[in-house]
Amino acid sequence: MPTVEKFPRSQKFLIGDRIQTTALDILDALVEATFTRNRAGHLARANLGLEKLRMFMRLAHTLRP
């Protein structure tokens, strides 16, 4: 999260917000998987979120000034 604050203003509010939201969604899915018996759905959602997060991070790295 502190790294997103260092993004340029144009990227901070678009890509930075998506990165933070996706990271928190992943954390949500992992916590839910920890406390339920049906973990497969939550872990699949976390896995998809990780793939999205990787793409956002690559995009942020590519757009870096």
PDB file of N, CA and C in Angstrom:
ATOM      1  N   MET A   1       0.798  -1.192   0.000  1.00  0.00           N
ATOM      2  CA  MET A   1       0.000   0.000   0.000  1.00  0.00           C
ATOM      3  C   MET A   1       0.855   1.277   0.000  1.00  0.00           C
ATOM      4  N   PRO A   2       1.933   1.340   0.778  1.00  0.00           N
ATOM      5  CA  PRO A   2       2.748   2.557   0.736  1.00  0.00           C
ATOM      6  C   PRO A   2       3.386   2.785  -0.643  1.00  0.00           C
ATOM      7  N   THR A   3       3.643   1.726  -1.369  1.00  0.00           N
ATOM      8  CA  THR A   3       4.243   1.860  -2.700  1.00  0.00           C
ATOM      9  C   THR A   3       3.290   2.567  -3.648  1.00  0.00           C
ATOM     10  N   VAL A   4       2.011   2.297  -3.522  1.00  0.00           N
ATOM     11  CA  VAL A   4       1.018   2.931  -4.392  1.00  0.00           C
ATOM     12  C   VAL A   4       1.011   4.444  -4.181  1.00  0.00           C
ATOM     13  N   GLU A   5       1.286   4.886  -2.959  1.00  0.00           N
ATOM     14  CA  GLU A   5       1.320   6.321  -2.672  1.00  0.00           C
ATOM     15  C   GLU A   5       2.434   7.029  -3.438  1.00  0.00           C
ATOM     16  N   LYS A   6       3.444   6.285  -3.871  1.00  0.00           N
ATOM     17  CA  LYS A   6       4.569   6.878  -4.596  1.00  0.00           C
ATOM     18  C   LYS A   6       4.319   6.955  -6.105  1.00  0.00           C
ATOM     19  N   PHE A   7       3.204   6.383  -6.569  1.00  0.00           N
ATOM     20  CA  PHE A   7       2.878   6.431  -7.995  1.00  0.00           C
ATOM     21  C   PHE A   7       2.635   7.878  -8.414  1.00  0.00           C
ATOM     22  N   PRO A   8       2.896   8.189  -9.683  1.00  0.00           N
ATOM     23  CA  PRO A   8       2.518   9.517 -10.178  1.00  0.00           C
ATOM     24  C   PRO A   8       1.014   9.724 -10.038  1.00  0.00           C
ATOM     25  N   ARG A   9       0.613  10.951  -9.927  1.00  0.00           N
ATOM     26  CA  ARG A   9      -0.807  11.265  -9.682  1.00  0.00           C
ATOM     27  C   ARG A   9      -1.730  10.623 -10.714  1.00  0.00           C
ATOM     28  N   SER A  10      -1.324  10.623 -11.972  1.00  0.00           N
ATOM     29  CA  SER A  10      -2.178  10.078 -13.029  1.00  0.00           C
ATOM     30  C   SER A  10      -2.400   8.574 -12.857  1.00  0.00           C
ATOM     31  N   GLN A  11      -1.425   7.870 -12.300  1.00  0.00           N
ATOM     32  CA  GLN A  11      -1.540   6.426 -12.104  1.00  0.00           C
ATOM     33  C   GLN A  11      -2.098   6.068 -10.733  1.00  0.00           C
ATOM     34  N   LYS A  12      -1.884   6.941  -9.775  1.00  0.00           N
ATOM     35  CA  LYS A  12      -2.270   6.627  -8.397  1.00  0.00           C
ATOM     36  C   LYS A  12      -3.767   6.378  -8.268  1.00  0.00           C
ATOM     37  N   PHE A  13      -4.562   7.185  -8.936  1.00  0.00           N
ATOM     38  CA  PHE A  13      -6.003   7.085  -8.735  1.00  0.00           C
ATOM     39  C   PHE A  13      -6.651   6.054  -9.640  1.00  0.00           C
ATOM     40  N   LEU A  14      -6.001   5.655 -10.696  1.00  0.00           N
ATOM     41  CA  LEU A  14      -6.590   4.652 -11.573  1.00  0.00           C
ATOM     42  C   LEU A  14      -6.004   3.273 -11.287  1.00  0.00           C
ATOM     43  N   ILE A  15      -4.750   3.105 -11.591  1.00  0.00           N
ATOM     44  CA  ILE A  15      -4.106   1.803 -11.399  1.00  0.00           C
ATOM     45  C   ILE A  15      -3.863   1.538  -9.916  1.00  0.00           C
ATOM     46  N   GLY A  16      -3.454   2.541  -9.185  1.00  0.00           N
ATOM     47  CA  GLY A  16      -3.184   2.376  -7.763  1.00  0.00           C
ATOM     48  C   GLY A  16      -4.411   1.925  -6.993  1.00  0.00           C
ATOM     49  N   ASP A  17      -5.545   2.519  -7.311  1.00  0.00           N
ATOM     50  CA  ASP A  17      -6.788   2.125  -6.651  1.00  0.00           C
ATOM     51  C   ASP A  17      -7.144   0.680  -6.980  1.00  0.00           C
ATOM     52  N   ARG A  18      -6.964   0.279  -8.233  1.00  0.00           N
ATOM     53  CA  ARG A  18      -7.268  -1.098  -8.633  1.00  0.00           C
ATOM     54  C   ARG A  18      -6.338  -2.084  -7.930  1.00  0.00           C
ATOM     55  N   ILE A  19      -5.074  -1.718  -7.789  1.00  0.00           N
ATOM     56  CA  ILE A  19      -4.108  -2.594  -7.108  1.00  0.00           C
ATOM     57  C   ILE A  19      -4.518  -2.778  -5.647  1.00  0.00           C
ATOM     58  N   GLN A  20      -4.844  -1.684  -4.976  1.00  0.00           N
ATOM     59  CA  GLN A  20      -5.243  -1.779  -3.573  1.00  0.00           C
ATOM     60  C   GLN A  20      -6.525  -2.583  -3.404  1.00  0.00           C
ATOM     61  N   THR A  21      -7.506  -2.335  -4.243  1.00  0.00           N
ATOM     62  CA  THR A  21      -8.782  -3.047  -4.148  1.00  0.00           C
ATOM     63  C   THR A  21      -8.591  -4.533  -4.391  1.00  0.00           C
ATOM     64  N   THR A  22      -7.820  -4.866  -5.412  1.00  0.00           N
ATOM     65  CA  THR A  22      -7.584  -6.274  -5.736  1.00  0.00           C
ATOM     66  C   THR A  22      -6.823  -6.971  -4.617  1.00  0.00           C
ATOM     67  N   ALA A  23      -5.825  -6.307  -4.049  1.00  0.00           N
ATOM     68  CA  ALA A  23      -5.049  -6.902  -2.959  1.00  0.00           C
ATOM     69  C   ALA A  23      -5.944  -7.166  -1.743  1.00  0.00           C
ATOM     70  N   LEU A  24      -6.830  -6.240  -1.442  1.00  0.00           N
ATOM     71  CA  LEU A  24      -7.737  -6.442  -0.307  1.00  0.00           C
ATOM     72  C   LEU A  24      -8.764  -7.533  -0.598  1.00  0.00           C
ATOM     73  N   ASP A  25      -9.207  -7.641  -1.850  1.00  0.00           N
ATOM     74  CA  ASP A  25     -10.122  -8.724  -2.221  1.00  0.00           C
ATOM     75  C   ASP A  25      -9.453 -10.088  -2.063  1.00  0.00           C
ATOM     76  N   ILE A  26      -8.181 -10.171  -2.417  1.00  0.00           N
ATOM     77  CA  ILE A  26      -7.429 -11.420  -2.249  1.00  0.00           C
ATOM     78  C   ILE A  26      -7.345 -11.776  -0.768  1.00  0.00           C
ATOM     79  N   LEU A  27      -7.019 -10.799   0.046  1.00  0.00           N
ATOM     80  CA  LEU A  27      -6.935 -11.026   1.485  1.00  0.00           C
ATOM     81  C   LEU A  27      -8.281 -11.486   2.039  1.00  0.00           C
ATOM     82  N   ASP A  28      -9.353 -10.859   1.579  1.00  0.00           N
ATOM     83  CA  ASP A  28     -10.705 -11.265   1.976  1.00  0.00           C
ATOM     84  C   ASP A  28     -10.965 -12.732   1.654  1.00  0.00           C
ATOM     85  N   ALA A  29     -10.653 -13.129   0.427  1.00  0.00           N
ATOM     86  CA  ALA A  29     -10.897 -14.506  -0.006  1.00  0.00           C
ATOM     87  C   ALA A  29     -10.077 -15.496   0.816  1.00  0.00           C
ATOM     88  N   LEU A  30      -8.847 -15.134   1.139  1.00  0.00           N
ATOM     89  CA  LEU A  30      -7.996 -16.032   1.922  1.00  0.00           C
ATOM     90  C   LEU A  30      -8.504 -16.182   3.360  1.00  0.00           C
ATOM     91  N   VAL A  31      -8.964 -15.093   3.940  1.00  0.00           N
ATOM     92  CA  VAL A  31      -9.515 -15.169   5.297  1.00  0.00           C
ATOM     93  C   VAL A  31     -10.780 -16.022   5.296  1.00  0.00           C
ATOM     94  N   GLU A  32     -11.634 -15.823   4.302  1.00  0.00           N
ATOM     95  CA  GLU A  32     -12.853 -16.625   4.208  1.00  0.00           C
ATOM     96  C   GLU A  32     -12.527 -18.102   4.014  1.00  0.00           C
ATOM     97  N   ALA A  33     -11.507 -18.395   3.218  1.00  0.00           N
ATOM     98  CA  ALA A  33     -11.108 -19.789   2.998  1.00  0.00           C
ATOM     99  C   ALA A  33     -10.582 -20.413   4.283  1.00  0.00           C
ATOM    100  N   THR A  34      -9.947 -19.625   5.112  1.00  0.00           N
ATOM    101  CA  THR A  34      -9.408 -20.126   6.363  1.00  0.00           C
ATOM    102  C   THR A  34     -10.501 -20.590   7.311  1.00  0.00           C
ATOM    103  N   PHE A  35     -11.642 -19.907   7.297  1.00  0.00           N
ATOM    104  CA  PHE A  35     -12.671 -20.174   8.285  1.00  0.00           C
ATOM    105  C   PHE A  35     -13.910 -20.888   7.739  1.00  0.00           C
ATOM    106  N   THR A  36     -13.795 -21.518   6.565  1.00  0.00           N
ATOM    107  CA  THR A  36     -14.918 -22.283   6.024  1.00  0.00           C
ATOM    108  C   THR A  36     -14.448 -23.675   5.616  1.00  0.00           C
ATOM    109  N   ARG A  37     -15.399 -24.558   5.487  1.00  0.00           N
ATOM    110  CA  ARG A  37     -15.065 -25.912   5.032  1.00  0.00           C
ATOM    111  C   ARG A  37     -14.933 -25.968   3.513  1.00  0.00           C
ATOM    112  N   ASN A  38     -15.746 -25.184   2.813  1.00  0.00           N
ATOM    113  CA  ASN A  38     -15.695 -25.160   1.352  1.00  0.00           C
ATOM    114  C   ASN A  38     -14.667 -24.127   0.897  1.00  0.00           C
ATOM    115  N   ARG A  39     -13.425 -24.551   0.843  1.00  0.00           N
ATOM    116  CA  ARG A  39     -12.337 -23.629   0.538  1.00  0.00           C
ATOM    117  C   ARG A  39     -12.123 -23.417  -0.955  1.00  0.00           C
ATOM    118  N   ALA A  40     -12.545 -24.359  -1.772  1.00  0.00           N
ATOM    119  CA  ALA A  40     -12.218 -24.337  -3.204  1.00  0.00           C
ATOM    120  C   ALA A  40     -12.681 -23.047  -3.877  1.00  0.00           C
ATOM    121  N   GLY A  41     -13.884 -22.623  -3.613  1.00  0.00           N
ATOM    122  CA  GLY A  41     -14.394 -21.407  -4.244  1.00  0.00           C
ATOM    123  C   GLY A  41     -13.628 -20.165  -3.834  1.00  0.00           C
ATOM    124  N   HIS A  42     -13.329 -20.076  -2.547  1.00  0.00           N
ATOM    125  CA  HIS A  42     -12.592 -18.915  -2.041  1.00  0.00           C
ATOM    126  C   HIS A  42     -11.160 -18.899  -2.569  1.00  0.00           C
ATOM    127  N   LEU A  43     -10.545 -20.063  -2.626  1.00  0.00           N
ATOM    128  CA  LEU A  43      -9.175 -20.123  -3.133  1.00  0.00           C
ATOM    129  C   LEU A  43      -9.120 -19.851  -4.633  1.00  0.00           C
ATOM    130  N   ALA A  44     -10.140 -20.288  -5.364  1.00  0.00           N
ATOM    131  CA  ALA A  44     -10.200 -19.993  -6.799  1.00  0.00           C
ATOM    132  C   ALA A  44     -10.338 -18.481  -7.016  1.00  0.00           C
ATOM    133  N   ARG A  45     -11.165 -17.835  -6.177  1.00  0.00           N
ATOM    134  CA  ARG A  45     -11.326 -16.384  -6.272  1.00  0.00           C
ATOM    135  C   ARG A  45     -10.018 -15.659  -5.934  1.00  0.00           C
ATOM    136  N   ALA A  46      -9.295 -16.156  -4.928  1.00  0.00           N
ATOM    137  CA  ALA A  46      -8.008 -15.567  -4.559  1.00  0.00           C
ATOM    138  C   ALA A  46      -6.992 -15.755  -5.681  1.00  0.00           C
ATOM    139  N   ASN A  47      -7.003 -16.915  -6.313  1.00  0.00           N
ATOM    140  CA  ASN A  47      -6.082 -17.190  -7.411  1.00  0.00           C
ATOM    141  C   ASN A  47      -6.338 -16.246  -8.586  1.00  0.00           C
ATOM    142  N   LEU A  48      -7.602 -16.056  -8.927  1.00  0.00           N
ATOM    143  CA  LEU A  48      -7.956 -15.136 -10.006  1.00  0.00           C
ATOM    144  C   LEU A  48      -7.521 -13.715  -9.651  1.00  0.00           C
ATOM    145  N   GLY A  49      -7.722 -13.340  -8.402  1.00  0.00           N
ATOM    146  CA  GLY A  49      -7.290 -12.017  -7.948  1.00  0.00           C
ATOM    147  C   GLY A  49      -5.790 -11.839  -8.062  1.00  0.00           C
ATOM    148  N   LEU A  50      -5.028 -12.889  -7.757  1.00  0.00           N
ATOM    149  CA  LEU A  50      -3.569 -12.804  -7.893  1.00  0.00           C
ATOM    150  C   LEU A  50      -3.151 -12.586  -9.336  1.00  0.00           C
ATOM    151  N   GLU A  51      -3.834 -13.243 -10.251  1.00  0.00           N
ATOM    152  CA  GLU A  51      -3.528 -13.048 -11.673  1.00  0.00           C
ATOM    153  C   GLU A  51      -3.817 -11.610 -12.096  1.00  0.00           C
ATOM    154  N   LYS A  52      -4.932 -11.069 -11.629  1.00  0.00           N
ATOM    155  CA  LYS A  52      -5.264  -9.674 -11.927  1.00  0.00           C
ATOM    156  C   LYS A  52      -4.212  -8.737 -11.335  1.00  0.00           C
ATOM    157  N   LEU A  53      -3.825  -9.022 -10.096  1.00  0.00           N
ATOM    158  CA  LEU A  53      -2.838  -8.183  -9.428  1.00  0.00           C
ATOM    159  C   LEU A  53      -1.507  -8.194 -10.167  1.00  0.00           C
ATOM    160  N   ARG A  54      -1.106  -9.356 -10.654  1.00  0.00           N
ATOM    161  CA  ARG A  54       0.130  -9.439 -11.444  1.00  0.00           C
ATOM    162  C   ARG A  54       0.051  -8.557 -12.683  1.00  0.00           C
ATOM    163  N   MET A  55      -1.090  -8.597 -13.359  1.00  0.00           N
ATOM    164  CA  MET A  55      -1.258  -7.786 -14.572  1.00  0.00           C
ATOM    165  C   MET A  55      -1.224  -6.294 -14.239  1.00  0.00           C
ATOM    166  N   PHE A  56      -1.885  -5.890 -13.158  1.00  0.00           N
ATOM    167  CA  PHE A  56      -1.866  -4.486 -12.762  1.00  0.00           C
ATOM    168  C   PHE A  56      -0.452  -4.039 -12.402  1.00  0.00           C
ATOM    169  N   MET A  57       0.301  -4.915 -11.728  1.00  0.00           N
ATOM    170  CA  MET A  57       1.672  -4.571 -11.348  1.00  0.00           C
ATOM    171  C   MET A  57       2.566  -4.433 -12.579  1.00  0.00           C
ATOM    172  N   ARG A  58       2.391  -5.339 -13.530  1.00  0.00           N
ATOM    173  CA  ARG A  58       3.154  -5.218 -14.783  1.00  0.00           C
ATOM    174  C   ARG A  58       2.831  -3.927 -15.505  1.00  0.00           C
ATOM    175  N   LEU A  59       1.548  -3.596 -15.559  1.00  0.00           N
ATOM    176  CA  LEU A  59       1.123  -2.366 -16.217  1.00  0.00           C
ATOM    177  C   LEU A  59       1.711  -1.147 -15.514  1.00  0.00           C
ATOM    178  N   ALA A  60       1.668  -1.139 -14.201  1.00  0.00           N
ATOM    179  CA  ALA A  60       2.234  -0.023 -13.443  1.00  0.00           C
ATOM    180  C   ALA A  60       3.736   0.088 -13.683  1.00  0.00           C
ATOM    181  N   HIS A  61       4.423  -1.043 -13.761  1.00  0.00           N
ATOM    182  CA  HIS A  61       5.864  -1.033 -14.010  1.00  0.00           C
ATOM    183  C   HIS A  61       6.160  -0.508 -15.416  1.00  0.00           C
ATOM    184  N   THR A  62       5.350  -0.902 -16.376  1.00  0.00           N
ATOM    185  CA  THR A  62       5.544  -0.460 -17.757  1.00  0.00           C
ATOM    186  C   THR A  62       5.292   1.031 -17.900  1.00  0.00           C
ATOM    187  N   LEU A  63       4.306   1.561 -17.216  1.00  0.00           N
ATOM    188  CA  LEU A  63       3.939   2.975 -17.327  1.00  0.00           C
ATOM    189  C   LEU A  63       4.787   3.901 -16.460  1.00  0.00           C
ATOM    190  N   ARG A  64       5.653   3.317 -15.679  1.00  0.00           N
ATOM    191  CA  ARG A  64       6.493   4.095 -14.763  1.00  0.00           C
ATOM    192  C   ARG A  64       7.359   5.086 -15.554  1.00  0.00           C
ATOM    193  N   PRO A  65       7.445   6.332 -15.076  1.00  0.00           N
ATOM    194  CA  PRO A  65       8.255   7.342 -15.789  1.00  0.00           C
ATOM    195  C   PRO A  65       9.741   7.113 -15.636  1.00  0.00           C
TER     196      PRO A  65
END
